[in-house]
Amino acid sequence: MEKIKHMFDKIHGLPNCCGVVHTDRITFGSQNRDHEENDVVVVQSVVDPDMKFTEIWLDYDILEDYERGGWLNGSNLKLSDGSDVGEYIIGDAGYPLCPWLLTPYQFENDDLPCSDSKVEFNRRHSTATAITFRALARLKGTWKCLQGEGWHPNNKRVMNRTINTCCQLHNIVIDMEELKEDKEEEVMEEQEENYRKQVRQVADEDAIRVRDALSQHLIESGVHTMAAEEEQQAAVVASGSGDGNKEQETLGRLRADRGKEKVL
């Protein structure tokens, strides 16, 4: 549940939200959806940001299930004004407004200005609730029996089992797709790392060639640097006199002479 709450907060800006509730009706019996003998299963489901069904009620009221407890009883969220908000789900205006089931604001008089906070809440609420329509469209599009096509149950008990099974398979398919995407990302990251290693290896080889060529050029050119000349002359003076002070004086005179040459 913590992962779901984190996703709702990150994607839709609804902290501590645990899902979106939606009510749908699935007809079964005859392939003719208008047939008098057809029956209907009322499906109430909660969907997460990945379009997976986390809770399903068949011909059962979500309000009764909440009143029994054991659901949406996780940690509270401390808001900026100091108040606490418990775990909640969101639903459209057809549901009753409850502390654990938040519906959008209803603006009865369009002529009156609405506060920015209410407008922003409705915008985020609308964006988040849209995932239920995509989830149900994918569910029914994959499992045609839920639309009365092909094989379909002819009694409510079998239909309820069929709906539960289809929802579970729906979730499994999404999980497998996520695993595949994660694997593809790992492969791409590995390929990028191998490419970076190859680039570094080529760069290192080029650097070695440049350094080798430059060092060889320094030897073959026979160019002597000022620093090298000073070291050689200092060594000669030191070996001849053994006097460190004379060595320093000699180096000083050499530097002074070169300074004069530059001025001239």
Protein backbone atom coordinates (compact mmCIF):
# COMPACT_ATOMS: atom_id res chain seq x y z
CA MET A 1 0.00 0.00 0.00
CA GLU A 2 2.89 2.38 0.69
CA LYS A 3 4.02 2.00 -2.92
CA ILE A 4 0.52 2.82 -4.17
CA LYS A 5 0.29 5.90 -1.95
CA HIS A 6 3.71 7.05 -3.12
CA MET A 7 2.66 6.68 -6.77
CA PHE A 8 -0.57 8.65 -6.29
CA ASP A 9 1.38 11.41 -4.60
CA LYS A 10 4.13 11.47 -7.23
CA ILE A 11 1.91 11.17 -10.32
CA HIS A 12 -1.27 12.97 -9.30
CA GLY A 13 -0.25 15.02 -6.25
CA LEU A 14 -2.71 13.23 -3.95
CA PRO A 15 -0.79 12.22 -0.80
CA ASN A 16 -1.98 9.21 1.24
CA CYS A 17 -4.43 8.20 -1.53
CA CYS A 18 -4.93 4.42 -1.77
CA GLY A 19 -6.91 4.08 -4.99
CA VAL A 20 -9.83 5.11 -7.20
CA VAL A 21 -13.22 3.46 -6.77
CA HIS A 22 -15.60 2.88 -9.65
CA THR A 23 -18.92 1.10 -10.14
CA ASP A 24 -19.74 -0.85 -13.29
CA ARG A 25 -22.44 -3.28 -14.40
CA ILE A 26 -21.63 -6.44 -16.32
CA THR A 27 -24.46 -8.20 -18.11
CA PHE A 28 -24.48 -11.98 -18.54
CA GLY A 29 -26.86 -14.65 -19.75
CA SER A 30 -27.93 -14.34 -23.37
CA GLN A 31 -25.63 -12.91 -26.02
CA ASN A 32 -28.46 -10.46 -26.67
CA ARG A 33 -27.68 -7.83 -24.05
CA ASP A 34 -31.28 -6.60 -24.14
CA HIS A 35 -32.73 -10.07 -23.51
CA GLU A 36 -35.25 -10.19 -20.68
CA GLU A 37 -33.54 -13.18 -19.07
CA ASN A 38 -30.20 -11.41 -18.79
CA ASP A 39 -28.90 -10.61 -15.35
CA VAL A 40 -26.45 -8.00 -14.14
CA VAL A 41 -23.52 -8.11 -11.73
CA VAL A 42 -22.73 -4.82 -10.01
CA VAL A 43 -18.94 -4.53 -9.80
CA GLN A 44 -17.31 -2.05 -7.45
CA SER A 45 -13.55 -1.98 -7.81
CA VAL A 46 -10.57 0.02 -6.59
CA VAL A 47 -7.81 0.69 -9.12
CA ASP A 48 -4.21 1.76 -8.50
CA PRO A 49 -2.09 4.08 -10.72
CA ASP A 50 -0.87 1.07 -12.74
CA MET A 51 -4.50 0.22 -13.67
CA LYS A 52 -4.45 -2.90 -11.48
CA PHE A 53 -7.50 -3.91 -9.47
CA THR A 54 -6.60 -3.92 -5.79
CA GLU A 55 -10.12 -4.49 -4.40
CA ILE A 56 -13.28 -5.96 -5.98
CA TRP A 57 -16.82 -6.14 -4.63
CA LEU A 58 -19.49 -8.08 -6.54
CA ASP A 59 -23.08 -7.16 -5.69
CA TYR A 60 -21.79 -5.78 -2.41
CA ASP A 61 -21.61 -2.25 -1.09
CA ILE A 62 -18.17 -0.78 -0.43
CA LEU A 63 -19.63 1.30 2.40
CA GLU A 64 -20.68 -1.82 4.31
CA ASP A 65 -17.23 -3.34 3.86
CA TYR A 66 -15.52 -0.22 5.23
CA GLU A 67 -17.80 -0.13 8.27
CA ARG A 68 -16.66 -3.63 9.18
CA GLY A 69 -13.12 -2.28 9.54
CA GLY A 70 -9.80 -3.77 8.53
CA TRP A 71 -9.40 -1.53 5.51
CA LEU A 72 -7.82 1.91 5.04
CA ASN A 73 -6.47 1.89 8.57
CA GLY A 74 -2.84 2.75 7.80
CA SER A 75 -0.76 5.70 8.93
CA ASN A 76 -2.11 9.25 8.92
CA LEU A 77 -0.61 12.13 7.00
CA LYS A 78 0.28 15.36 8.79
CA LEU A 79 -0.74 18.36 6.68
CA SER A 80 0.88 21.78 6.61
CA ASP A 81 -1.83 23.25 8.89
CA GLY A 82 -1.19 20.55 11.50
CA SER A 83 -4.30 18.47 10.80
CA ASP A 84 -4.20 14.73 10.13
CA VAL A 85 -5.58 12.94 7.08
CA GLY A 86 -5.98 9.18 7.15
CA GLU A 87 -5.79 6.82 4.22
CA TYR A 88 -8.52 7.43 1.66
CA ILE A 89 -9.75 6.57 -1.82
CA ILE A 90 -11.36 8.87 -4.36
CA GLY A 91 -14.52 8.48 -6.43
CA ASP A 92 -16.88 10.45 -8.63
CA ALA A 93 -19.80 12.57 -7.43
CA GLY A 94 -22.10 9.55 -7.40
CA TYR A 95 -20.49 8.37 -4.15
CA PRO A 96 -21.20 9.92 -0.75
CA LEU A 97 -18.49 12.18 0.61
CA CYS A 98 -16.76 10.45 3.53
CA PRO A 99 -13.48 11.08 5.37
CA TRP A 100 -12.11 7.96 3.64
CA LEU A 101 -13.87 8.47 0.26
CA LEU A 102 -13.26 11.89 -1.25
CA THR A 103 -15.43 13.15 -4.08
CA PRO A 104 -14.96 16.31 -6.18
CA TYR A 105 -16.36 19.69 -5.22
CA GLN A 106 -19.76 20.44 -6.69
CA PHE A 107 -20.18 24.06 -7.75
CA GLU A 108 -23.93 24.68 -7.71
CA ASN A 109 -23.71 28.29 -8.81
CA ASP A 110 -21.33 28.74 -11.72
CA ASP A 111 -21.55 32.52 -11.38
CA LEU A 112 -19.77 32.48 -8.03
CA PRO A 113 -15.96 32.43 -8.12
CA CYS A 114 -14.32 29.21 -6.97
CA SER A 115 -11.23 29.15 -4.82
CA ASP A 116 -8.00 28.14 -6.49
CA SER A 117 -7.53 25.29 -4.02
CA LYS A 118 -10.89 23.73 -4.88
CA VAL A 119 -10.29 24.05 -8.60
CA GLU A 120 -6.85 22.45 -8.25
CA PHE A 121 -8.25 19.61 -6.14
CA ASN A 122 -10.91 18.87 -8.77
CA ARG A 123 -8.29 18.94 -11.52
CA ARG A 124 -6.08 16.39 -9.77
CA HIS A 125 -9.11 14.34 -8.76
CA SER A 126 -10.37 14.19 -12.36
CA THR A 127 -6.97 13.19 -13.74
CA ALA A 128 -6.61 10.38 -11.20
CA THR A 129 -10.13 8.98 -11.60
CA ALA A 130 -9.62 8.67 -15.37
CA ILE A 131 -7.45 5.58 -14.80
CA THR A 132 -10.53 3.53 -13.83
CA PHE A 133 -12.04 3.98 -17.30
CA ARG A 134 -8.80 2.91 -18.96
CA ALA A 135 -8.50 -0.09 -16.65
CA LEU A 136 -12.06 -1.27 -17.32
CA ALA A 137 -11.70 -0.68 -21.07
CA ARG A 138 -8.56 -2.82 -21.10
CA LEU A 139 -10.15 -5.50 -18.92
CA LYS A 140 -13.23 -5.87 -21.15
CA GLY A 141 -11.19 -5.47 -24.33
CA THR A 142 -8.97 -8.40 -23.33
CA TRP A 143 -11.61 -10.69 -21.86
CA LYS A 144 -14.48 -10.55 -24.34
CA CYS A 145 -16.66 -12.82 -22.20
CA LEU A 146 -17.26 -9.81 -19.93
CA GLN A 147 -18.99 -8.16 -22.87
CA GLY A 148 -21.11 -11.18 -23.72
CA GLU A 149 -18.97 -12.23 -26.69
CA GLY A 150 -18.00 -15.85 -27.29
CA TRP A 151 -18.24 -18.06 -24.23
CA HIS A 152 -20.05 -16.43 -21.36
CA PRO A 153 -21.51 -17.66 -18.06
CA ASN A 154 -25.23 -18.16 -17.77
CA ASN A 155 -25.55 -17.90 -13.98
CA LYS A 156 -24.39 -15.40 -11.40
CA ARG A 157 -22.16 -17.73 -9.39
CA VAL A 158 -20.05 -18.62 -12.43
CA MET A 159 -20.11 -15.01 -13.61
CA ASN A 160 -18.72 -13.79 -10.29
CA ARG A 161 -15.89 -16.31 -10.47
CA THR A 162 -15.22 -15.31 -14.06
CA ILE A 163 -14.99 -11.61 -13.18
CA ASN A 164 -12.60 -12.34 -10.29
CA THR A 165 -10.41 -14.54 -12.51
CA CYS A 166 -10.30 -12.00 -15.33
CA CYS A 167 -9.28 -9.24 -12.90
CA GLN A 168 -6.50 -11.41 -11.46
CA LEU A 169 -5.22 -12.27 -14.94
CA HIS A 170 -5.44 -8.59 -15.86
CA ASN A 171 -3.15 -7.76 -12.91
CA ILE A 172 -0.72 -10.56 -13.78
CA VAL A 173 -0.38 -9.31 -17.36
CA ILE A 174 0.43 -5.79 -16.13
CA ASP A 175 2.99 -7.18 -13.66
CA MET A 176 4.64 -9.16 -16.45
CA GLU A 177 4.76 -6.05 -18.63
CA GLU A 178 6.42 -4.12 -15.82
CA LEU A 179 8.99 -6.90 -15.37
CA LYS A 180 9.69 -6.84 -19.08
CA GLU A 181 10.13 -3.06 -19.04
CA ASP A 182 12.48 -3.31 -16.04
CA LYS A 183 14.49 -6.00 -17.83
CA GLU A 184 14.71 -3.90 -20.99
CA GLU A 185 15.89 -0.93 -18.92
CA GLU A 186 18.56 -3.09 -17.30
CA VAL A 187 19.73 -4.29 -20.72
CA MET A 188 19.85 -0.72 -22.02
CA GLU A 189 21.79 0.46 -18.98
CA GLU A 190 24.24 -2.42 -19.42
CA GLN A 191 24.68 -1.55 -23.09
CA GLU A 192 25.27 2.10 -22.24
CA GLU A 193 27.86 1.16 -19.61
CA ASN A 194 29.66 -1.12 -22.10
CA TYR A 195 29.63 1.72 -24.62
CA ARG A 196 31.09 4.14 -22.07
CA LYS A 197 33.82 1.62 -21.24
CA GLN A 198 34.67 1.26 -24.93
CA VAL A 199 34.81 5.03 -25.34
CA ARG A 200 37.07 5.36 -22.30
CA GLN A 201 39.30 2.59 -23.63
CA VAL A 202 39.65 4.31 -27.01
CA ALA A 203 40.29 7.62 -25.25
CA ASP A 204 42.96 6.00 -23.05
CA GLU A 205 44.65 4.47 -26.08
CA ASP A 206 44.66 7.83 -27.86
CA ALA A 207 46.06 9.53 -24.78
CA ILE A 208 48.85 6.95 -24.54
CA ARG A 209 49.75 7.47 -28.20
CA VAL A 210 49.85 11.24 -27.78
CA ARG A 211 52.02 11.02 -24.69
CA ASP A 212 54.42 8.53 -26.30
CA ALA A 213 54.72 10.63 -29.45
CA LEU A 214 55.35 13.82 -27.46
CA SER A 215 57.98 12.21 -25.25
CA GLN A 216 59.77 10.81 -28.30
CA HIS A 217 59.68 14.22 -29.96
CA LEU A 218 61.27 15.84 -26.91
CA ILE A 219 64.20 13.45 -27.12
CA GLU A 220 64.66 13.64 -30.89
CA SER A 221 64.32 17.43 -31.13
CA GLY A 222 67.28 18.02 -28.81
CA VAL A 223 65.64 21.11 -27.33
CA HIS A 224 66.95 22.08 -23.88
CA THR A 225 64.73 23.98 -21.53
CA MET A 226 65.82 26.86 -19.31
CA ALA A 227 65.14 24.77 -16.24
CA ALA A 228 67.35 21.98 -17.53
CA GLU A 229 70.20 24.37 -18.26
CA GLU A 230 69.97 25.82 -14.77
CA GLU A 231 70.09 22.38 -13.23
CA GLN A 232 73.11 21.41 -15.31
CA GLN A 233 75.04 24.60 -14.49
CA ALA A 234 74.15 24.32 -10.83
CA ALA A 235 75.40 20.75 -10.79
CA VAL A 236 78.70 21.80 -12.38
CA VAL A 237 79.21 24.58 -9.87
CA ALA A 238 78.31 22.33 -6.95
CA SER A 239 80.65 19.57 -8.07
CA GLY A 240 83.52 22.02 -8.58
CA SER A 241 83.32 23.97 -5.34
CA GLY A 242 81.15 21.93 -3.03
CA ASP A 243 79.89 25.19 -1.63
CA GLY A 244 76.11 25.42 -1.44
CA ASN A 245 76.17 29.21 -1.09
CA LYS A 246 78.14 29.61 -4.30
CA GLU A 247 75.67 27.38 -6.06
CA GLN A 248 72.80 29.62 -4.99
CA GLU A 249 74.73 32.75 -6.02
CA THR A 250 75.46 31.27 -9.44
CA LEU A 251 71.80 30.40 -10.00
CA GLY A 252 70.83 33.90 -8.96
CA ARG A 253 73.25 35.49 -11.44
CA LEU A 254 71.94 33.25 -14.23
CA ARG A 255 68.35 34.25 -13.58
CA ALA A 256 69.31 37.93 -13.35
CA ASP A 257 71.19 37.77 -16.68
CA ARG A 258 68.21 36.20 -18.38
CA GLY A 259 65.97 38.88 -16.92
CA LYS A 260 68.17 41.58 -18.43
CA GLU A 261 68.13 39.87 -21.81
CA LYS A 262 64.31 39.88 -21.79
CA VAL A 263 64.23 43.58 -20.91
CA LEU A 264 66.60 44.42 -23.74
